[in-house]
Amino acid sequence: MDRANFIRPDYHNFGIGIQMINHAKNISQKMGIRNLLIFAATFAIEFYDKIGADFLYDSKSSIPDRLIPFYDLKI
């Protein structure tokens, strides 16, 4: 299952991101899922580092000369 979620920039730093992550972790845990694999926006790298996600690698983007950071978040 894959989903994409974004928070509008004018709503950053209100705790919405961590609420969304915690909700996803709770649902995933109930489903027996042990990891969330995250394709992160480059501007959100600090957020994923802060919540303890582990950087795995940079993936090629469909946009030329752009890489997408790929993270693993243990539940």
PDB file of N, CA and C in Angstrom:
ATOM      1  N   MET A   1       0.848  -1.166   0.000  1.00  0.00           N
ATOM      2  CA  MET A   1       0.000   0.000   0.000  1.00  0.00           C
ATOM      3  C   MET A   1       0.902   1.241   0.000  1.00  0.00           C
ATOM      4  N   ASP A   2       0.560   2.214  -0.808  1.00  0.00           N
ATOM      5  CA  ASP A   2       1.347   3.441  -0.798  1.00  0.00           C
ATOM      6  C   ASP A   2       0.419   4.642  -0.762  1.00  0.00           C
ATOM      7  N   ARG A   3       0.872   5.660  -0.092  1.00  0.00           N
ATOM      8  CA  ARG A   3       0.123   6.902   0.042  1.00  0.00           C
ATOM      9  C   ARG A   3       1.119   8.057   0.023  1.00  0.00           C
ATOM     10  N   ALA A   4       0.656   9.188  -0.449  1.00  0.00           N
ATOM     11  CA  ALA A   4       1.471  10.400  -0.418  1.00  0.00           C
ATOM     12  C   ALA A   4       0.732  11.447   0.402  1.00  0.00           C
ATOM     13  N   ASN A   5       1.428  12.051   1.321  1.00  0.00           N
ATOM     14  CA  ASN A   5       0.861  13.103   2.156  1.00  0.00           C
ATOM     15  C   ASN A   5       1.823  14.271   2.199  1.00  0.00           C
ATOM     16  N   PHE A   6       1.263  15.439   2.164  1.00  0.00           N
ATOM     17  CA  PHE A   6       2.059  16.656   2.240  1.00  0.00           C
ATOM     18  C   PHE A   6       1.358  17.639   3.165  1.00  0.00           C
ATOM     19  N   ILE A   7       2.141  18.510   3.762  1.00  0.00           N
ATOM     20  CA  ILE A   7       1.594  19.586   4.584  1.00  0.00           C
ATOM     21  C   ILE A   7       1.958  20.899   3.910  1.00  0.00           C
ATOM     22  N   ARG A   8       0.948  21.723   3.689  1.00  0.00           N
ATOM     23  CA  ARG A   8       1.201  23.020   3.057  1.00  0.00           C
ATOM     24  C   ARG A   8       2.225  23.794   3.874  1.00  0.00           C
ATOM     25  N   PRO A   9       3.149  24.484   3.214  1.00  0.00           N
ATOM     26  CA  PRO A   9       4.197  25.216   3.936  1.00  0.00           C
ATOM     27  C   PRO A   9       3.667  26.179   4.998  1.00  0.00           C
ATOM     28  N   ASP A  10       2.521  26.807   4.769  1.00  0.00           N
ATOM     29  CA  ASP A  10       1.998  27.742   5.770  1.00  0.00           C
ATOM     30  C   ASP A  10       1.440  27.022   7.004  1.00  0.00           C
ATOM     31  N   TYR A  11       1.420  25.686   6.980  1.00  0.00           N
ATOM     32  CA  TYR A  11       1.010  24.898   8.140  1.00  0.00           C
ATOM     33  C   TYR A  11       2.186  24.144   8.773  1.00  0.00           C
ATOM     34  N   HIS A  12       3.404  24.402   8.317  1.00  0.00           N
ATOM     35  CA  HIS A  12       4.585  23.778   8.923  1.00  0.00           C
ATOM     36  C   HIS A  12       4.789  24.320  10.336  1.00  0.00           C
ATOM     37  N   ASN A  13       5.429  23.515  11.171  1.00  0.00           N
ATOM     38  CA  ASN A  13       5.795  23.877  12.547  1.00  0.00           C
ATOM     39  C   ASN A  13       4.599  24.048  13.482  1.00  0.00           C
ATOM     40  N   PHE A  14       3.513  23.340  13.200  1.00  0.00           N
ATOM     41  CA  PHE A  14       2.360  23.314  14.094  1.00  0.00           C
ATOM     42  C   PHE A  14       2.152  21.926  14.697  1.00  0.00           C
ATOM     43  N   GLY A  15       3.083  21.000  14.450  1.00  0.00           N
ATOM     44  CA  GLY A  15       2.972  19.651  14.987  1.00  0.00           C
ATOM     45  C   GLY A  15       2.107  18.713  14.159  1.00  0.00           C
ATOM     46  N   ILE A  16       1.682  19.166  12.994  1.00  0.00           N
ATOM     47  CA  ILE A  16       0.809  18.345  12.152  1.00  0.00           C
ATOM     48  C   ILE A  16       1.557  17.130  11.610  1.00  0.00           C
ATOM     49  N   GLY A  17       2.798  17.325  11.196  1.00  0.00           N
ATOM     50  CA  GLY A  17       3.591  16.230  10.635  1.00  0.00           C
ATOM     51  C   GLY A  17       3.787  15.094  11.620  1.00  0.00           C
ATOM     52  N   ILE A  18       4.145  15.427  12.855  1.00  0.00           N
ATOM     53  CA  ILE A  18       4.370  14.379  13.854  1.00  0.00           C
ATOM     54  C   ILE A  18       3.053  13.682  14.200  1.00  0.00           C
ATOM     55  N   GLN A  19       1.934  14.420  14.193  1.00  0.00           N
ATOM     56  CA  GLN A  19       0.631  13.791  14.421  1.00  0.00           C
ATOM     57  C   GLN A  19       0.313  12.800  13.303  1.00  0.00           C
ATOM     58  N   MET A  20       0.612  13.182  12.069  1.00  0.00           N
ATOM     59  CA  MET A  20       0.361  12.289  10.934  1.00  0.00           C
ATOM     60  C   MET A  20       1.241  11.047  11.013  1.00  0.00           C
ATOM     61  N   ILE A  21       2.514  11.234  11.350  1.00  0.00           N
ATOM     62  CA  ILE A  21       3.433  10.094  11.480  1.00  0.00           C
ATOM     63  C   ILE A  21       2.963   9.169  12.594  1.00  0.00           C
ATOM     64  N   ASN A  22       2.608   9.732  13.752  1.00  0.00           N
ATOM     65  CA  ASN A  22       2.144   8.897  14.864  1.00  0.00           C
ATOM     66  C   ASN A  22       0.880   8.127  14.492  1.00  0.00           C
ATOM     67  N   HIS A  23      -0.020   8.756  13.775  1.00  0.00           N
ATOM     68  CA  HIS A  23      -1.245   8.079  13.331  1.00  0.00           C
ATOM     69  C   HIS A  23      -0.894   6.921  12.383  1.00  0.00           C
ATOM     70  N   ALA A  24      -0.012   7.183  11.435  1.00  0.00           N
ATOM     71  CA  ALA A  24       0.415   6.133  10.496  1.00  0.00           C
ATOM     72  C   ALA A  24       1.106   4.989  11.235  1.00  0.00           C
ATOM     73  N   LYS A  25       1.928   5.326  12.231  1.00  0.00           N
ATOM     74  CA  LYS A  25       2.607   4.291  13.010  1.00  0.00           C
ATOM     75  C   LYS A  25       1.606   3.439  13.789  1.00  0.00           C
ATOM     76  N   ASN A  26       0.606   4.080  14.390  1.00  0.00           N
ATOM     77  CA  ASN A  26      -0.407   3.339  15.156  1.00  0.00           C
ATOM     78  C   ASN A  26      -1.184   2.381  14.266  1.00  0.00           C
ATOM     79  N   ILE A  27      -1.627   2.856  13.122  1.00  0.00           N
ATOM     80  CA  ILE A  27      -2.371   1.999  12.193  1.00  0.00           C
ATOM     81  C   ILE A  27      -1.479   0.860  11.694  1.00  0.00           C
ATOM     82  N   SER A  28      -0.246   1.196  11.334  1.00  0.00           N
ATOM     83  CA  SER A  28       0.685   0.187  10.822  1.00  0.00           C
ATOM     84  C   SER A  28       0.969  -0.883  11.857  1.00  0.00           C
ATOM     85  N   GLN A  29       1.160  -0.456  13.100  1.00  0.00           N
ATOM     86  CA  GLN A  29       1.440  -1.406  14.175  1.00  0.00           C
ATOM     87  C   GLN A  29       0.277  -2.385  14.341  1.00  0.00           C
ATOM     88  N   LYS A  30      -0.952  -1.882  14.274  1.00  0.00           N
ATOM     89  CA  LYS A  30      -2.129  -2.750  14.390  1.00  0.00           C
ATOM     90  C   LYS A  30      -2.213  -3.745  13.238  1.00  0.00           C
ATOM     91  N   MET A  31      -1.655  -3.361  12.095  1.00  0.00           N
ATOM     92  CA  MET A  31      -1.670  -4.228  10.910  1.00  0.00           C
ATOM     93  C   MET A  31      -0.470  -5.172  10.882  1.00  0.00           C
ATOM     94  N   GLY A  32       0.416  -5.063  11.865  1.00  0.00           N
ATOM     95  CA  GLY A  32       1.593  -5.920  11.906  1.00  0.00           C
ATOM     96  C   GLY A  32       2.744  -5.430  11.044  1.00  0.00           C
ATOM     97  N   ILE A  33       2.662  -4.193  10.588  1.00  0.00           N
ATOM     98  CA  ILE A  33       3.732  -3.606   9.772  1.00  0.00           C
ATOM     99  C   ILE A  33       4.819  -3.090  10.705  1.00  0.00           C
ATOM    100  N   ARG A  34       6.071  -3.365  10.377  1.00  0.00           N
ATOM    101  CA  ARG A  34       7.179  -3.014  11.272  1.00  0.00           C
ATOM    102  C   ARG A  34       8.001  -1.830  10.798  1.00  0.00           C
ATOM    103  N   ASN A  35       7.818  -1.411   9.551  1.00  0.00           N
ATOM    104  CA  ASN A  35       8.599  -0.302   9.002  1.00  0.00           C
ATOM    105  C   ASN A  35       7.721   0.544   8.093  1.00  0.00           C
ATOM    106  N   LEU A  36       7.970   1.834   8.094  1.00  0.00           N
ATOM    107  CA  LEU A  36       7.397   2.725   7.093  1.00  0.00           C
ATOM    108  C   LEU A  36       8.538   3.154   6.187  1.00  0.00           C
ATOM    109  N   LEU A  37       8.387   2.946   4.907  1.00  0.00           N
ATOM    110  CA  LEU A  37       9.395   3.363   3.941  1.00  0.00           C
ATOM    111  C   LEU A  37       8.939   4.684   3.347  1.00  0.00           C
ATOM    112  N   ILE A  38       9.798   5.679   3.402  1.00  0.00           N
ATOM    113  CA  ILE A  38       9.410   7.051   3.092  1.00  0.00           C
ATOM    114  C   ILE A  38      10.278   7.624   1.987  1.00  0.00           C
ATOM    115  N   PHE A  39       9.642   8.064   0.911  1.00  0.00           N
ATOM    116  CA  PHE A  39      10.308   8.898  -0.084  1.00  0.00           C
ATOM    117  C   PHE A  39      10.092  10.326   0.385  1.00  0.00           C
ATOM    118  N   ALA A  40      11.135  10.978   0.831  1.00  0.00           N
ATOM    119  CA  ALA A  40      11.017  12.292   1.466  1.00  0.00           C
ATOM    120  C   ALA A  40      11.264  13.426   0.487  1.00  0.00           C
ATOM    121  N   ALA A  41      10.580  14.519   0.723  1.00  0.00           N
ATOM    122  CA  ALA A  41      10.910  15.750   0.011  1.00  0.00           C
ATOM    123  C   ALA A  41      12.220  16.271   0.591  1.00  0.00           C
ATOM    124  N   THR A  42      13.064  16.823  -0.241  1.00  0.00           N
ATOM    125  CA  THR A  42      14.380  17.263   0.242  1.00  0.00           C
ATOM    126  C   THR A  42      14.266  18.307   1.344  1.00  0.00           C
ATOM    127  N   PHE A  43      13.239  19.147   1.310  1.00  0.00           N
ATOM    128  CA  PHE A  43      13.089  20.163   2.356  1.00  0.00           C
ATOM    129  C   PHE A  43      12.638  19.560   3.688  1.00  0.00           C
ATOM    130  N   ALA A  44      12.235  18.280   3.698  1.00  0.00           N
ATOM    131  CA  ALA A  44      11.749  17.631   4.915  1.00  0.00           C
ATOM    132  C   ALA A  44      12.782  16.702   5.548  1.00  0.00           C
ATOM    133  N   ILE A  45      13.993  16.682   5.028  1.00  0.00           N
ATOM    134  CA  ILE A  45      15.032  15.781   5.547  1.00  0.00           C
ATOM    135  C   ILE A  45      15.243  15.985   7.043  1.00  0.00           C
ATOM    136  N   GLU A  46      15.308  17.223   7.482  1.00  0.00           N
ATOM    137  CA  GLU A  46      15.531  17.514   8.903  1.00  0.00           C
ATOM    138  C   GLU A  46      14.408  16.916   9.764  1.00  0.00           C
ATOM    139  N   PHE A  47      13.177  16.984   9.272  1.00  0.00           N
ATOM    140  CA  PHE A  47      12.038  16.414  10.002  1.00  0.00           C
ATOM    141  C   PHE A  47      12.209  14.906  10.166  1.00  0.00           C
ATOM    142  N   TYR A  48      12.540  14.204   9.091  1.00  0.00           N
ATOM    143  CA  TYR A  48      12.675  12.750   9.175  1.00  0.00           C
ATOM    144  C   TYR A  48      13.869  12.343  10.036  1.00  0.00           C
ATOM    145  N   ASP A  49      14.936  13.118  10.004  1.00  0.00           N
ATOM    146  CA  ASP A  49      16.060  12.863  10.907  1.00  0.00           C
ATOM    147  C   ASP A  49      15.618  13.048  12.360  1.00  0.00           C
ATOM    148  N   LYS A  50      14.845  14.097  12.605  1.00  0.00           N
ATOM    149  CA  LYS A  50      14.380  14.425  13.960  1.00  0.00           C
ATOM    150  C   LYS A  50      13.500  13.326  14.549  1.00  0.00           C
ATOM    151  N   ILE A  51      12.673  12.681  13.725  1.00  0.00           N
ATOM    152  CA  ILE A  51      11.769  11.647  14.252  1.00  0.00           C
ATOM    153  C   ILE A  51      12.413  10.263  14.293  1.00  0.00           C
ATOM    154  N   GLY A  52      13.688  10.189  13.921  1.00  0.00           N
ATOM    155  CA  GLY A  52      14.413   8.927  14.044  1.00  0.00           C
ATOM    156  C   GLY A  52      14.373   8.021  12.835  1.00  0.00           C
ATOM    157  N   ALA A  53      13.946   8.540  11.698  1.00  0.00           N
ATOM    158  CA  ALA A  53      13.969   7.733  10.474  1.00  0.00           C
ATOM    159  C   ALA A  53      15.416   7.563  10.022  1.00  0.00           C
ATOM    160  N   ASP A  54      15.728   6.418   9.475  1.00  0.00           N
ATOM    161  CA  ASP A  54      17.081   6.121   9.000  1.00  0.00           C
ATOM    162  C   ASP A  54      17.171   6.361   7.497  1.00  0.00           C
ATOM    163  N   PHE A  55      18.145   7.166   7.100  1.00  0.00           N
ATOM    164  CA  PHE A  55      18.382   7.402   5.678  1.00  0.00           C
ATOM    165  C   PHE A  55      18.890   6.113   5.050  1.00  0.00           C
ATOM    166  N   LEU A  56      18.296   5.717   3.915  1.00  0.00           N
ATOM    167  CA  LEU A  56      18.730   4.515   3.210  1.00  0.00           C
ATOM    168  C   LEU A  56      19.560   4.860   1.980  1.00  0.00           C
ATOM    169  N   TYR A  57      19.006   5.662   1.099  1.00  0.00           N
ATOM    170  CA  TYR A  57      19.718   6.037  -0.126  1.00  0.00           C
ATOM    171  C   TYR A  57      18.945   7.132  -0.846  1.00  0.00           C
ATOM    172  N   ASP A  58      19.579   7.728  -1.841  1.00  0.00           N
ATOM    173  CA  ASP A  58      18.915   8.676  -2.726  1.00  0.00           C
ATOM    174  C   ASP A  58      18.443   7.926  -3.964  1.00  0.00           C
ATOM    175  N   SER A  59      17.205   8.152  -4.340  1.00  0.00           N
ATOM    176  CA  SER A  59      16.616   7.517  -5.511  1.00  0.00           C
ATOM    177  C   SER A  59      16.518   8.534  -6.644  1.00  0.00           C
ATOM    178  N   LYS A  60      16.677   8.063  -7.868  1.00  0.00           N
ATOM    179  CA  LYS A  60      16.531   8.957  -9.014  1.00  0.00           C
ATOM    180  C   LYS A  60      15.084   9.424  -9.114  1.00  0.00           C
ATOM    181  N   SER A  61      14.914  10.668  -9.463  1.00  0.00           N
ATOM    182  CA  SER A  61      13.600  11.257  -9.670  1.00  0.00           C
ATOM    183  C   SER A  61      13.271  11.259 -11.156  1.00  0.00           C
ATOM    184  N   SER A  62      12.000  11.408 -11.473  1.00  0.00           N
ATOM    185  CA  SER A  62      11.620  11.575 -12.878  1.00  0.00           C
ATOM    186  C   SER A  62      11.997  12.969 -13.375  1.00  0.00           C
ATOM    187  N   ILE A  63      12.333  13.849 -12.434  1.00  0.00           N
ATOM    188  CA  ILE A  63      12.797  15.194 -12.777  1.00  0.00           C
ATOM    189  C   ILE A  63      14.312  15.118 -12.975  1.00  0.00           C
ATOM    190  N   PRO A  64      14.817  15.553 -14.110  1.00  0.00           N
ATOM    191  CA  PRO A  64      16.260  15.469 -14.374  1.00  0.00           C
ATOM    192  C   PRO A  64      17.094  16.161 -13.288  1.00  0.00           C
ATOM    193  N   ASP A  65      18.214  15.541 -12.959  1.00  0.00           N
ATOM    194  CA  ASP A  65      19.180  16.076 -11.994  1.00  0.00           C
ATOM    195  C   ASP A  65      18.616  16.239 -10.583  1.00  0.00           C
ATOM    196  N   ARG A  66      17.592  15.492 -10.244  1.00  0.00           N
ATOM    197  CA  ARG A  66      17.036  15.561  -8.894  1.00  0.00           C
ATOM    198  C   ARG A  66      17.052  14.168  -8.280  1.00  0.00           C
ATOM    199  N   LEU A  67      17.405  14.109  -7.003  1.00  0.00           N
ATOM    200  CA  LEU A  67      17.371  12.862  -6.247  1.00  0.00           C
ATOM    201  C   LEU A  67      16.320  12.973  -5.150  1.00  0.00           C
ATOM    202  N   ILE A  68      15.739  11.841  -4.793  1.00  0.00           N
ATOM    203  CA  ILE A  68      14.736  11.796  -3.734  1.00  0.00           C
ATOM    204  C   ILE A  68      15.291  10.945  -2.594  1.00  0.00           C
ATOM    205  N   PRO A  69      15.419  11.517  -1.386  1.00  0.00           N
ATOM    206  CA  PRO A  69      15.909  10.737  -0.248  1.00  0.00           C
ATOM    207  C   PRO A  69      14.888   9.671   0.168  1.00  0.00           C
ATOM    208  N   PHE A  70      15.384   8.487   0.448  1.00  0.00           N
ATOM    209  CA  PHE A  70      14.553   7.345   0.827  1.00  0.00           C
ATOM    210  C   PHE A  70      14.890   6.986   2.268  1.00  0.00           C
ATOM    211  N   TYR A  71      13.876   6.944   3.140  1.00  0.00           N
ATOM    212  CA  TYR A  71      14.066   6.704   4.573  1.00  0.00           C
ATOM    213  C   TYR A  71      13.292   5.474   5.030  1.00  0.00           C
ATOM    214  N   ASP A  72      13.759   4.901   6.140  1.00  0.00           N
ATOM    215  CA  ASP A  72      13.094   3.791   6.810  1.00  0.00           C
ATOM    216  C   ASP A  72      12.782   4.237   8.233  1.00  0.00           C
ATOM    217  N   LEU A  73      11.522   4.138   8.622  1.00  0.00           N
ATOM    218  CA  LEU A  73      11.115   4.481   9.981  1.00  0.00           C
ATOM    219  C   LEU A  73      10.622   3.217  10.662  1.00  0.00           C
ATOM    220  N   LYS A  74      11.348   2.778  11.674  1.00  0.00           N
ATOM    221  CA  LYS A  74      10.963   1.585  12.432  1.00  0.00           C
ATOM    222  C   LYS A  74       9.773   1.929  13.325  1.00  0.00           C
ATOM    223  N   ILE A  75       8.879   0.962  13.461  1.00  0.00           N
ATOM    224  CA  ILE A  75       7.685   1.184  14.288  1.00  0.00           C
ATOM    225  C   ILE A  75       7.876   0.497  15.625  1.00  0.00           C
TER     226      ILE A  75
END
